[in-house]
């Protein structure tokens, strides 16, 4: 049974930091490209960051470059997103995604709210 479970979301003040985690099971994690997406109220889901392998380079949306860092641990089958210098416009539900050429999986999402 495939599972992706996000954690680490919450309420944070502008300028603060959060670290999201995504625990995975039920598939060969190391063989999948992994990503973080987010969806704000009334907006489409957008790609935040992605990474193909631990040695590969990461890609980021322009809006988060220099503030967010994606990483993965293939041994623990975990995906992370370190978010610094958070802004109110970063408020959204954040989802982890694992994708291969054959299939892709989603987590249930974790809410991040940036507000004073």
Protein backbone atom coordinates (compact mmCIF):
# COMPACT_ATOMS: atom_id res chain seq x y z
CA UNK A 1 0.00 0.00 0.00
CA UNK A 2 1.49 3.30 -1.12
CA UNK A 3 1.54 6.03 1.48
CA UNK A 4 2.89 9.58 1.51
CA UNK A 5 2.31 11.41 4.78
CA UNK A 6 3.26 15.06 5.16
CA UNK A 7 3.96 16.74 8.47
CA UNK A 8 5.50 19.93 9.83
CA UNK A 9 2.96 22.47 8.69
CA UNK A 10 1.49 25.10 10.97
CA UNK A 11 1.12 28.78 11.71
CA UNK A 12 4.23 30.93 11.47
CA UNK A 13 4.91 34.66 11.43
CA UNK A 14 6.30 36.37 8.33
CA UNK A 15 10.04 35.89 8.18
CA UNK A 16 9.84 32.63 10.08
CA UNK A 17 10.82 29.11 9.09
CA UNK A 18 9.21 25.70 8.84
CA UNK A 19 10.48 22.30 7.81
CA UNK A 20 8.05 20.01 6.08
CA UNK A 21 8.59 16.26 6.00
CA UNK A 22 7.04 13.56 3.85
CA UNK A 23 7.26 9.97 5.02
CA UNK A 24 6.77 7.43 2.26
CA UNK A 25 6.20 3.69 2.01
CA UNK A 26 4.92 1.07 -0.39
CA UNK A 27 7.07 1.90 -3.41
CA UNK A 28 10.74 2.09 -4.39
CA UNK A 29 11.37 5.64 -3.24
CA UNK A 30 14.86 5.94 -4.75
CA UNK A 31 13.49 5.28 -8.23
CA UNK A 32 11.08 8.21 -8.16
CA UNK A 33 11.45 11.90 -8.76
CA UNK A 34 9.96 13.72 -5.79
CA UNK A 35 8.43 17.15 -5.52
CA UNK A 36 6.56 19.56 -3.32
CA UNK A 37 3.47 21.30 -4.64
CA UNK A 38 1.21 23.81 -2.99
CA UNK A 39 -2.32 25.04 -3.46
CA UNK A 40 -3.63 28.29 -2.06
CA UNK A 41 -7.37 28.96 -1.72
CA UNK A 42 -8.91 29.75 -5.08
CA UNK A 43 -5.71 28.96 -6.97
CA UNK A 44 -4.38 26.06 -8.96
CA UNK A 45 -1.90 23.65 -7.48
CA UNK A 46 1.63 24.75 -8.37
CA UNK A 47 5.03 23.12 -8.34
CA UNK A 48 7.26 24.47 -5.58
CA UNK A 49 10.38 22.33 -5.85
CA UNK A 50 11.51 19.01 -7.27
CA UNK A 51 14.51 16.73 -7.07
CA UNK A 52 15.24 13.62 -9.11
CA UNK A 53 17.88 11.96 -6.97
CA UNK A 54 20.02 12.78 -3.98
CA UNK A 55 22.87 13.62 -6.32
CA UNK A 56 20.76 15.49 -8.83
CA UNK A 57 20.15 19.17 -8.85
CA UNK A 58 16.96 20.59 -7.51
CA UNK A 59 14.55 22.85 -9.32
CA UNK A 60 12.54 25.62 -7.70
CA UNK A 61 9.71 27.93 -8.58
CA UNK A 62 11.00 31.47 -9.01
CA UNK A 63 8.86 32.60 -6.09
CA UNK A 64 10.76 30.40 -3.60
CA UNK A 65 14.30 30.41 -4.98
CA UNK A 66 16.83 31.31 -2.31
CA UNK A 67 14.30 30.72 0.48
CA UNK A 68 13.27 27.06 0.19
CA UNK A 69 15.45 23.96 0.02
CA UNK A 70 14.24 20.52 -1.04
CA UNK A 71 16.10 17.39 0.02
CA UNK A 72 15.56 13.65 0.14
CA UNK A 73 16.86 10.70 2.13
CA UNK A 74 16.65 7.53 0.07
CA UNK A 75 17.55 5.33 3.03
CA UNK A 76 14.79 6.71 5.24
CA UNK A 77 12.46 7.17 2.24
CA UNK A 78 11.82 10.73 3.31
CA UNK A 79 11.34 14.01 1.49
CA UNK A 80 11.89 17.40 3.12
CA UNK A 81 11.25 21.04 2.40
CA UNK A 82 13.08 23.64 4.46
CA UNK A 83 11.23 26.93 4.18
CA UNK A 84 12.90 30.13 5.35
CA UNK A 85 11.93 33.80 5.17
CA UNK A 86 8.29 32.81 4.85
CA UNK A 87 5.84 35.31 3.41
CA UNK A 88 2.05 35.56 3.66
CA UNK A 89 1.83 34.55 0.00
CA UNK A 90 3.41 31.20 0.92
CA UNK A 91 0.19 30.31 2.74
CA UNK A 92 -1.19 27.14 1.15
CA UNK A 93 -1.68 23.44 1.57
CA UNK A 94 1.61 21.73 0.72
CA UNK A 95 1.63 18.32 -0.92
CA UNK A 96 4.44 15.88 -1.59
CA UNK A 97 4.48 13.97 -4.84
CA UNK A 98 6.44 11.00 -6.12
CA UNK A 99 6.50 10.32 -9.85
CA UNK A 100 7.97 7.86 -12.31
CA UNK A 101 7.36 7.28 -15.99
CA UNK A 102 4.58 4.87 -15.05
CA UNK A 103 2.77 6.36 -12.08
CA UNK A 104 2.68 9.08 -9.50
CA UNK A 105 1.49 9.40 -5.92
CA UNK A 106 0.26 12.22 -3.70
CA UNK A 107 0.16 12.85 -0.01
CA UNK A 108 -2.87 14.29 1.76
CA UNK A 109 -1.29 17.70 2.31
CA UNK A 110 -0.26 19.83 5.26
CA UNK A 111 -1.45 23.38 5.89
CA UNK A 112 1.09 26.19 6.09
CA UNK A 113 -0.21 29.56 7.23
CA UNK A 114 2.05 32.62 7.31
CA UNK A 115 0.44 35.42 9.26
CA UNK A 116 1.17 37.90 12.00
